[in-house]
Amino acid sequence: MSQRSARCAKNARPFVGVAAAFLAGPMGLPMPARAARVDAVMPVSITLLAGCSINATSVAFPALSRLSAARTATGILRTTCTDTTPFNIGLDQGSGAGASTTVRLMSGPPSAFIAYGLFQNSALSANFGNTVGSDTVPGTGLDTSQAITVYAEVPSQAAPKPGAYADVVNVVVTF
């Protein structure tokens, strides 16, 4: 290596150092840190399930001394279903032994009963049962309470034994 090459090589190092200092910023000040960014997505979701609730008032016939004429009474079913949810309300046969959805039985003093019916309309022409598409009441949820009237009739019948008679009917909402 010649003397001139050695001098150039010796001088090159400070030049590289000066160039690096110049690139780092004016007057050798450090450059500010560069901001970094990472992006991601955050999914947000909800599943709204169809749902219904129901409650019922009692059907109470007035006290009578005989059943020589038919008697009527009403009860109210209140259902609240999720908006746009289709539903059907049905009533089972009740707890009276041997009852059906067309002839329900209130039990009273031992071995005594009173026959009665539950209907969807005041004309007492549409039985209120529990077969969807046949004798249930259809509806569509509005997200608010909806009232359905239950019409009840005790037809005239032979005089049963005096006493208190009762039945329990299950109300079912299918949705």
Protein backbone atom coordinates (compact mmCIF):
# COMPACT_ATOMS: atom_id res chain seq x y z
CA MET A 1 0.00 0.00 0.00
CA SER A 2 1.38 3.38 -0.90
CA GLN A 3 1.77 6.19 1.53
CA ARG A 4 -1.02 8.11 -0.15
CA SER A 5 -3.40 5.10 -0.02
CA ALA A 6 -2.64 4.61 3.62
CA ARG A 7 -3.33 8.29 4.30
CA CYS A 8 -6.63 8.12 2.38
CA ALA A 9 -7.67 5.02 4.22
CA LYS A 10 -6.70 6.67 7.50
CA ASN A 11 -8.69 9.77 6.60
CA ALA A 12 -11.70 7.77 5.39
CA ARG A 13 -12.70 6.69 8.84
CA PRO A 14 -13.23 10.18 10.22
CA PHE A 15 -15.12 11.07 7.03
CA VAL A 16 -17.50 8.13 7.53
CA GLY A 17 -17.97 9.23 11.14
CA VAL A 18 -18.73 12.80 10.03
CA ALA A 19 -21.18 11.54 7.41
CA ALA A 20 -22.96 9.39 10.01
CA ALA A 21 -23.18 12.35 12.39
CA PHE A 22 -24.59 14.52 9.59
CA LEU A 23 -27.21 11.92 8.75
CA ALA A 24 -28.18 11.67 12.43
CA GLY A 25 -29.32 15.26 12.45
CA PRO A 26 -28.10 18.79 12.22
CA MET A 27 -25.23 19.56 14.49
CA GLY A 28 -25.06 15.94 15.62
CA LEU A 29 -28.40 15.96 17.54
CA PRO A 30 -30.18 12.64 17.72
CA MET A 31 -33.18 12.16 15.42
CA PRO A 32 -36.56 11.73 17.21
CA ALA A 33 -37.81 8.16 17.45
CA ARG A 34 -40.13 7.24 14.64
CA ALA A 35 -43.70 6.33 15.81
CA ALA A 36 -44.73 2.76 15.14
CA ARG A 37 -48.32 1.61 14.49
CA VAL A 38 -49.97 -1.78 14.51
CA ASP A 39 -53.59 -2.19 13.48
CA ALA A 40 -56.09 -4.88 14.51
CA VAL A 41 -59.82 -5.33 14.29
CA MET A 42 -62.16 -6.01 17.21
CA PRO A 43 -65.30 -7.87 16.20
CA VAL A 44 -68.45 -6.89 18.09
CA SER A 45 -71.57 -9.06 17.89
CA ILE A 46 -74.75 -10.04 19.69
CA THR A 47 -77.22 -12.86 19.22
CA LEU A 48 -80.79 -11.95 20.11
CA LEU A 49 -82.73 -15.07 20.96
CA ALA A 50 -86.46 -15.38 20.54
CA GLY A 51 -88.19 -15.41 23.90
CA CYS A 52 -91.60 -15.19 25.47
CA SER A 53 -93.07 -14.85 28.93
CA ILE A 54 -96.68 -15.29 30.00
CA ASN A 55 -98.89 -14.82 33.03
CA ALA A 56 -102.59 -15.48 33.60
CA THR A 57 -105.42 -14.15 35.70
CA SER A 58 -107.92 -16.51 37.30
CA VAL A 59 -111.21 -17.45 35.72
CA ALA A 60 -113.70 -17.16 38.58
CA PHE A 61 -117.36 -18.04 38.14
CA PRO A 62 -119.81 -16.48 40.59
CA ALA A 63 -121.10 -18.58 43.49
CA LEU A 64 -124.32 -20.39 42.56
CA SER A 65 -126.85 -22.64 44.23
CA ARG A 66 -127.61 -24.59 41.03
CA LEU A 67 -126.48 -24.93 37.41
CA SER A 68 -129.84 -24.83 35.62
CA ALA A 69 -128.46 -22.29 33.11
CA ALA A 70 -125.04 -21.80 31.53
CA ARG A 71 -122.69 -19.37 33.25
CA THR A 72 -119.78 -17.50 31.69
CA ALA A 73 -116.63 -15.83 32.96
CA THR A 74 -113.36 -14.58 31.48
CA GLY A 75 -109.67 -14.61 32.26
CA ILE A 76 -106.74 -12.78 30.71
CA LEU A 77 -103.46 -14.18 29.43
CA ARG A 78 -100.67 -11.64 29.02
CA THR A 79 -97.72 -12.59 26.88
CA THR A 80 -94.61 -10.65 25.95
CA CYS A 81 -92.52 -12.06 23.13
CA THR A 82 -89.44 -10.73 21.40
CA ASP A 83 -90.32 -8.41 18.50
CA THR A 84 -91.37 -10.32 15.33
CA THR A 85 -91.28 -13.71 17.11
CA PRO A 86 -94.19 -15.89 15.98
CA PHE A 87 -95.91 -17.71 18.86
CA ASN A 88 -98.90 -19.90 19.72
CA ILE A 89 -100.68 -19.95 23.08
CA GLY A 90 -102.30 -23.18 24.16
CA LEU A 91 -104.22 -24.45 27.18
CA ASP A 92 -104.00 -28.07 28.32
CA GLN A 93 -106.92 -30.17 29.55
CA GLY A 94 -106.40 -29.20 33.18
CA SER A 95 -105.91 -31.45 36.19
CA GLY A 96 -109.43 -32.90 36.45
CA ALA A 97 -109.37 -36.70 36.11
CA GLY A 98 -110.75 -37.72 32.71
CA ALA A 99 -110.78 -34.16 31.31
CA SER A 100 -109.97 -33.22 27.70
CA THR A 101 -109.38 -29.87 26.00
CA THR A 102 -113.01 -29.91 24.83
CA VAL A 103 -114.57 -30.90 28.19
CA ARG A 104 -112.55 -29.81 31.21
CA LEU A 105 -113.51 -30.81 34.74
CA MET A 106 -113.33 -28.90 38.01
CA SER A 107 -112.97 -31.29 40.94
CA GLY A 108 -114.85 -30.71 44.17
CA PRO A 109 -116.11 -32.81 47.07
CA PRO A 110 -115.06 -36.46 46.80
CA SER A 111 -116.01 -37.89 43.40
CA ALA A 112 -117.81 -34.71 42.34
CA PHE A 113 -116.96 -32.52 39.37
CA ILE A 114 -118.34 -29.69 37.25
CA ALA A 115 -117.78 -29.70 33.49
CA TYR A 116 -116.70 -26.49 31.79
CA GLY A 117 -115.13 -25.23 28.58
CA LEU A 118 -112.51 -22.64 27.61
CA PHE A 119 -112.85 -20.73 24.35
CA GLN A 120 -110.99 -18.27 22.13
CA ASN A 121 -114.00 -16.07 21.39
CA SER A 122 -117.05 -14.60 23.12
CA ALA A 123 -119.38 -16.63 20.88
CA LEU A 124 -117.91 -19.73 22.59
CA SER A 125 -117.48 -21.36 19.19
CA ALA A 126 -113.68 -21.76 19.03
CA ASN A 127 -112.30 -24.23 21.56
CA PHE A 128 -109.08 -23.18 23.31
CA GLY A 129 -106.80 -26.22 23.34
CA ASN A 130 -103.14 -27.05 22.90
CA THR A 131 -102.74 -28.35 19.34
CA VAL A 132 -100.71 -25.77 17.38
CA GLY A 133 -102.41 -24.88 14.11
CA SER A 134 -105.73 -26.28 15.31
CA ASP A 135 -107.01 -24.80 18.57
CA THR A 136 -104.26 -22.51 19.87
CA VAL A 137 -104.11 -18.73 19.53
CA PRO A 138 -101.35 -17.54 17.17
CA GLY A 139 -99.61 -14.21 17.39
CA THR A 140 -96.47 -12.25 16.64
CA GLY A 141 -94.32 -10.69 19.35
CA LEU A 142 -94.25 -6.89 19.64
CA ASP A 143 -91.77 -6.70 22.53
CA THR A 144 -94.65 -5.41 24.68
CA SER A 145 -97.39 -7.16 26.63
CA GLN A 146 -100.29 -8.50 24.58
CA ALA A 147 -103.57 -9.50 26.23
CA ILE A 148 -105.56 -12.53 25.11
CA THR A 149 -108.99 -13.04 26.63
CA VAL A 150 -110.02 -16.56 27.61
CA TYR A 151 -113.78 -17.09 27.57
CA ALA A 152 -115.11 -19.74 29.94
CA GLU A 153 -118.49 -21.41 30.22
CA VAL A 154 -120.06 -23.77 32.72
CA PRO A 155 -122.96 -25.30 30.78
CA SER A 156 -126.19 -26.24 32.57
CA GLN A 157 -125.82 -29.67 34.16
CA ALA A 158 -127.19 -31.90 36.85
CA ALA A 159 -126.76 -30.44 40.31
CA PRO A 160 -123.42 -31.54 41.72
CA LYS A 161 -122.69 -31.76 45.45
CA PRO A 162 -122.34 -28.39 47.20
CA GLY A 163 -118.76 -27.31 47.83
CA ALA A 164 -115.78 -25.58 46.26
CA TYR A 165 -114.69 -26.78 42.81
CA ALA A 166 -111.41 -25.93 41.11
CA ASP A 167 -109.09 -26.90 38.30
CA VAL A 168 -105.57 -25.91 37.23
CA VAL A 169 -104.94 -25.42 33.52
CA ASN A 170 -101.40 -25.11 32.18
CA VAL A 171 -100.80 -22.29 29.73
CA VAL A 172 -98.11 -23.03 27.14
CA VAL A 173 -96.48 -20.57 24.75
CA THR A 174 -94.79 -22.21 21.79
CA PHE A 175 -92.37 -20.00 19.82
